[in-house]
Amino acid sequence: MAAAAAPTPNLPPVRTRPPNSPPPIPPSPHQPTPETQPPAAPPPPPAAVVSLQQPSGKKSNPSRPRRLLRQVRSIFRSFPIITPAACKFPAGGGGGTRIQDGHINGTRMTGTLYGHKRARVNLAIQETPSSLPVVLLELGLPTGKLLQSMGGGMVRIAMECEKRSGGDKTQVMEEPIWTMFCNGKKSGFGVKREPTDEDLHVMRTLHVVSMGAGVIPEEKKEKEEEGEGELAYMRAHFERVVGSKDSETYYMMNPDGNSGPELSIFFVRV
């Protein structure tokens, strides 16, 4: 009786190289392997955040609740933006007093007008370019209109509010809302408010700028895309003159007494 044939093992098929094909290229000894790949470069360090100095006379706790200021500001934002037809005097016209060479006995401050060109202009008054604002006001004029008016000659802005009855000791620059006049014509209102992140971005960007004008680059351009225009600014030295407990005036100082634009801002309680 014949012996049974042994089972054939299942061997993998032999792969044959097609004729006339080049031989396989062996791996290069210099080719990096997962074990020898260099480590990934660390992410770049975040940009240094510029810290603004606290004003010398700034109180740690505000004298008025912030909720009240936010309510006043929300009411103010519901008012339409007023664009006066004539918010300037002719260049070189009389009637104005030119402030040159710092001859007025006052305190030198830094003043910045800034905002999106078709949105309301902001006025920040600082002790130095690298300090937090002492006063921050949102005015009822478009930024582009006011800067254009300043390019044509003298501009006088008067901020008025009513006197308080009784023995109220609120300082004149602590008033929350003002009626605004530009060269004698009523031009809306001004509201005192706390700095937002956008305001602090402007202050940090300009912390080394003592005077000048231009456009501030923005990381987020939602407002520019919404039609409010670029974020423009104008910064200069101002001479602060205290007339009484109910009046203060800020005169823009022209460098070297040149014939640049003139701006005076009056705050008065009547």
Protein backbone atom coordinates (compact mmCIF):
# COMPACT_ATOMS: atom_id res chain seq x y z
CA MET A 1 0.00 0.00 0.00
CA ALA A 2 1.58 3.33 -1.10
CA ALA A 3 2.50 5.90 1.57
CA ALA A 4 0.45 9.09 1.71
CA ALA A 5 2.15 12.18 0.18
CA ALA A 6 3.32 14.86 2.65
CA PRO A 7 1.27 18.09 2.59
CA THR A 8 2.85 20.98 0.67
CA PRO A 9 3.53 24.02 2.93
CA ASN A 10 1.86 27.34 1.96
CA LEU A 11 4.84 29.41 0.87
CA PRO A 12 4.49 33.09 -0.12
CA PRO A 13 4.68 33.72 -3.83
CA VAL A 14 8.03 34.65 -5.15
CA ARG A 15 8.02 38.17 -6.58
CA THR A 16 10.02 38.41 -9.71
CA ARG A 17 11.33 41.69 -11.09
CA PRO A 18 10.03 42.44 -14.57
CA PRO A 19 12.65 42.24 -17.25
CA ASN A 20 14.57 45.43 -18.16
CA SER A 21 13.56 47.18 -14.89
CA PRO A 22 16.21 49.00 -12.85
CA PRO A 23 17.38 47.37 -9.65
CA PRO A 24 15.90 48.76 -6.41
CA ILE A 25 17.81 51.63 -4.81
CA PRO A 26 19.05 50.78 -1.33
CA PRO A 27 18.19 53.31 1.42
CA SER A 28 20.76 56.03 1.88
CA PRO A 29 22.67 55.96 5.17
CA HIS A 30 22.15 59.75 5.40
CA GLN A 31 18.38 59.56 4.96
CA PRO A 32 16.72 60.45 8.31
CA THR A 33 14.65 57.81 9.96
CA PRO A 34 11.95 58.39 12.56
CA GLU A 35 14.59 57.66 15.19
CA THR A 36 17.13 60.12 13.78
CA GLN A 37 14.85 63.03 12.69
CA PRO A 38 15.73 66.35 14.37
CA PRO A 39 13.22 67.66 16.92
CA ALA A 40 10.67 70.20 15.74
CA ALA A 41 11.59 73.84 16.23
CA PRO A 42 9.91 75.41 19.26
CA PRO A 43 7.16 77.97 18.55
CA PRO A 44 8.27 81.62 18.52
CA PRO A 45 7.91 83.40 21.83
CA PRO A 46 4.87 85.69 22.16
CA ALA A 47 5.39 89.40 21.59
CA ALA A 48 6.26 91.35 24.69
CA VAL A 49 3.30 93.23 26.13
CA VAL A 50 4.04 96.88 26.84
CA SER A 51 2.86 97.83 30.32
CA LEU A 52 1.52 101.36 30.71
CA GLN A 53 2.37 103.39 33.79
CA GLN A 54 -0.28 104.33 36.32
CA PRO A 55 -0.91 108.11 36.45
CA SER A 56 0.46 109.77 39.55
CA GLY A 57 -2.88 111.23 40.63
CA LYS A 58 -5.06 108.28 39.58
CA LYS A 59 -7.16 106.79 42.33
CA SER A 60 -7.25 103.03 42.67
CA ASN A 61 -11.03 103.03 43.02
CA PRO A 62 -13.14 105.19 40.69
CA SER A 63 -15.30 107.81 42.33
CA ARG A 64 -18.35 106.77 40.27
CA PRO A 65 -19.66 103.28 39.62
CA ARG A 66 -18.65 101.89 36.25
CA ARG A 67 -22.18 100.64 35.71
CA LEU A 68 -23.45 104.21 35.65
CA LEU A 69 -20.77 105.20 33.10
CA ARG A 70 -21.70 102.25 30.89
CA GLN A 71 -25.36 103.26 31.02
CA VAL A 72 -24.54 106.85 30.10
CA ARG A 73 -22.30 105.66 27.28
CA SER A 74 -24.99 103.35 25.89
CA ILE A 75 -27.43 106.28 25.83
CA PHE A 76 -24.79 108.45 24.15
CA ARG A 77 -24.18 105.84 21.45
CA SER A 78 -27.86 105.98 20.52
CA PHE A 79 -27.44 109.62 19.44
CA PRO A 80 -26.62 110.24 15.76
CA ILE A 81 -23.15 111.38 14.76
CA ILE A 82 -23.28 115.09 13.97
CA THR A 83 -21.14 116.32 11.09
CA PRO A 84 -21.15 120.12 11.19
CA ALA A 85 -20.81 121.83 7.85
CA ALA A 86 -18.31 124.37 9.13
CA CYS A 87 -16.11 123.10 11.95
CA LYS A 88 -13.15 125.37 11.29
CA PHE A 89 -11.98 128.94 10.83
CA PRO A 90 -10.10 129.96 7.70
CA ALA A 91 -6.38 129.33 7.94
CA GLY A 92 -4.58 132.35 9.26
CA GLY A 93 -7.80 134.00 10.45
CA GLY A 94 -7.76 136.32 13.44
CA GLY A 95 -9.29 135.94 16.82
CA GLY A 96 -7.18 133.01 18.03
CA THR A 97 -4.24 133.12 20.38
CA ARG A 98 -1.29 131.08 19.18
CA ILE A 99 0.47 129.14 21.91
CA GLN A 100 4.19 128.94 21.23
CA ASP A 101 7.34 128.01 23.13
CA GLY A 102 5.33 126.95 26.21
CA HIS A 103 4.99 130.49 27.58
CA ILE A 104 1.69 129.70 29.31
CA ASN A 105 2.24 128.70 32.92
CA GLY A 106 0.60 125.28 32.83
CA THR A 107 1.34 121.57 32.97
CA ARG A 108 2.52 119.73 29.89
CA MET A 109 0.36 116.72 29.03
CA THR A 110 0.07 114.31 26.10
CA GLY A 111 -3.14 114.41 24.10
CA THR A 112 -4.23 111.88 21.47
CA LEU A 113 -7.18 112.08 19.09
CA TYR A 114 -7.88 108.70 17.51
CA GLY A 115 -10.61 106.50 16.10
CA HIS A 116 -11.89 104.88 12.94
CA LYS A 117 -12.31 107.57 10.31
CA ARG A 118 -16.09 107.23 9.99
CA ALA A 119 -16.69 106.50 13.67
CA ARG A 120 -16.68 108.77 16.72
CA VAL A 121 -13.37 110.29 17.69
CA ASN A 122 -11.78 109.60 21.08
CA LEU A 123 -9.70 112.02 23.14
CA ALA A 124 -7.14 110.56 25.55
CA ILE A 125 -5.19 112.83 27.89
CA GLN A 126 -2.09 111.30 29.51
CA GLU A 127 0.66 112.52 31.80
CA THR A 128 3.27 110.90 29.49
CA PRO A 129 3.04 108.94 26.23
CA SER A 130 3.66 105.70 28.16
CA SER A 131 1.09 106.18 30.93
CA LEU A 132 -2.53 105.19 31.22
CA PRO A 133 -5.04 107.90 30.25
CA VAL A 134 -5.98 110.36 32.97
CA VAL A 135 -9.13 111.24 31.01
CA LEU A 136 -10.71 109.37 28.11
CA LEU A 137 -13.63 110.95 26.26
CA GLU A 138 -15.70 109.74 23.34
CA LEU A 139 -16.83 112.73 21.28
CA GLY A 140 -19.79 113.09 18.96
CA LEU A 141 -17.76 113.90 15.81
CA PRO A 142 -16.36 111.52 13.17
CA THR A 143 -12.59 111.13 13.43
CA GLY A 144 -11.94 111.90 9.78
CA LYS A 145 -14.05 115.08 9.88
CA LEU A 146 -12.26 116.48 12.92
CA LEU A 147 -8.76 115.71 11.59
CA GLN A 148 -9.71 117.25 8.26
CA SER A 149 -10.92 120.40 10.02
CA MET A 150 -7.66 120.65 11.95
CA GLY A 151 -5.73 120.50 8.70
CA GLY A 152 -7.51 123.66 7.54
CA GLY A 153 -6.78 125.97 10.45
CA MET A 154 -7.79 126.72 14.02
CA VAL A 155 -10.24 124.49 15.88
CA ARG A 156 -11.80 125.40 19.22
CA ILE A 157 -13.70 122.72 21.11
CA ALA A 158 -15.76 123.70 24.14
CA MET A 159 -17.11 121.05 26.49
CA GLU A 160 -19.87 122.33 28.79
CA CYS A 161 -21.89 120.82 31.61
CA GLU A 162 -24.08 122.18 34.38
CA LYS A 163 -22.78 123.00 37.83
CA ARG A 164 -23.81 120.72 40.65
CA SER A 165 -25.85 122.04 43.51
CA GLY A 166 -24.75 121.81 47.10
CA GLY A 167 -21.25 120.99 48.27
CA ASP A 168 -20.42 118.44 45.56
CA LYS A 169 -16.65 117.99 45.28
CA THR A 170 -16.55 116.27 41.89
CA GLN A 171 -13.61 117.56 39.86
CA VAL A 172 -14.40 119.15 36.55
CA MET A 173 -12.60 116.43 34.55
CA GLU A 174 -14.58 113.72 36.37
CA GLU A 175 -17.91 114.82 34.90
CA PRO A 176 -19.51 111.90 33.01
CA ILE A 177 -21.19 113.73 30.10
CA TRP A 178 -20.63 117.02 28.28
CA THR A 179 -22.31 119.14 25.62
CA MET A 180 -19.81 119.71 22.82
CA PHE A 181 -19.35 122.85 20.69
CA CYS A 182 -16.91 123.01 17.77
CA ASN A 183 -16.00 126.58 16.82
CA GLY A 184 -19.19 127.85 18.42
CA LYS A 185 -21.54 125.32 16.83
CA LYS A 186 -23.18 122.56 18.84
CA SER A 187 -21.68 119.27 17.68
CA GLY A 188 -23.17 116.55 19.85
CA PHE A 189 -21.99 115.25 23.18
CA GLY A 190 -18.90 113.91 24.88
CA VAL A 191 -18.89 111.00 27.33
CA LYS A 192 -16.19 110.04 29.81
CA ARG A 193 -15.52 106.30 29.81
CA GLU A 194 -13.07 103.64 30.92
CA PRO A 195 -10.40 102.36 28.46
CA THR A 196 -11.28 99.24 26.46
CA ASP A 197 -8.87 96.68 25.02
CA GLU A 198 -8.82 98.65 21.77
CA ASP A 199 -7.95 101.85 23.63
CA LEU A 200 -5.11 100.11 25.47
CA HIS A 201 -3.87 98.69 22.15
CA VAL A 202 -3.64 102.25 20.79
CA MET A 203 -1.82 103.48 23.92
CA ARG A 204 0.68 100.61 23.81
CA THR A 205 1.30 101.06 20.10
CA LEU A 206 2.01 104.78 20.57
CA HIS A 207 3.91 104.52 23.85
CA VAL A 208 7.13 105.79 22.21
CA VAL A 209 5.42 108.47 20.06
CA SER A 210 5.46 111.96 21.58
CA MET A 211 3.82 113.70 18.61
CA GLY A 212 2.72 112.82 15.11
CA ALA A 213 -0.18 111.53 13.03
CA GLY A 214 -0.89 108.46 10.96
CA VAL A 215 -2.72 105.13 10.84
CA ILE A 216 -2.42 102.36 13.43
CA PRO A 217 -2.26 98.77 12.07
CA GLU A 218 -4.85 96.41 13.49
CA GLU A 219 -4.78 92.65 13.90
CA LYS A 220 -8.56 92.42 13.64
CA LYS A 221 -10.14 94.42 10.82
CA GLU A 222 -13.80 93.82 11.52
CA LYS A 223 -14.54 97.53 12.00
CA GLU A 224 -12.63 98.50 8.87
CA GLU A 225 -14.54 95.87 6.90
CA GLU A 226 -17.82 97.14 8.39
CA GLY A 227 -17.20 100.52 6.76
CA GLU A 228 -15.81 102.49 9.70
CA GLY A 229 -12.47 103.07 7.97
CA GLU A 230 -8.90 102.87 9.17
CA LEU A 231 -7.81 103.59 12.74
CA ALA A 232 -6.25 107.06 12.48
CA TYR A 233 -4.57 109.09 15.21
CA MET A 234 -3.02 112.47 15.95
CA ARG A 235 -0.83 113.00 19.02
CA ALA A 236 0.74 116.19 20.37
CA HIS A 237 1.81 117.94 23.56
CA PHE A 238 -0.89 119.94 25.31
CA GLU A 239 -0.53 122.66 27.90
CA ARG A 240 -3.03 122.16 30.73
CA VAL A 241 -4.21 125.38 32.38
CA VAL A 242 -6.56 125.25 35.38
CA GLY A 243 -8.70 128.38 35.50
CA SER A 244 -10.82 127.46 38.51
CA LYS A 245 -12.50 124.47 40.08
CA ASP A 246 -15.06 124.68 37.25
CA SER A 247 -12.78 125.17 34.24
CA GLU A 248 -9.73 123.63 32.59
CA THR A 249 -8.20 124.31 29.18
CA TYR A 250 -5.85 122.25 27.02
CA TYR A 251 -3.80 124.08 24.35
CA MET A 252 -2.05 122.05 21.69
CA MET A 253 1.66 122.95 21.51
CA ASN A 254 3.21 123.34 18.07
CA PRO A 255 6.83 122.13 17.93
CA ASP A 256 9.41 124.91 17.57
CA GLY A 257 6.64 127.49 17.20
CA ASN A 258 5.83 126.50 13.62
CA SER A 259 2.57 127.34 11.88
CA GLY A 260 0.94 123.94 12.32
CA PRO A 261 -2.72 123.29 13.14
CA GLU A 262 -4.11 124.90 16.28
CA LEU A 263 -6.40 123.13 18.70
CA SER A 264 -7.78 124.29 22.03
CA ILE A 265 -10.15 122.26 24.21
CA PHE A 266 -12.09 124.01 26.97
CA PHE A 267 -13.87 122.22 29.81
CA VAL A 268 -16.24 124.43 31.80
CA ARG A 269 -19.16 124.02 34.17
CA VAL A 270 -21.80 126.71 33.72
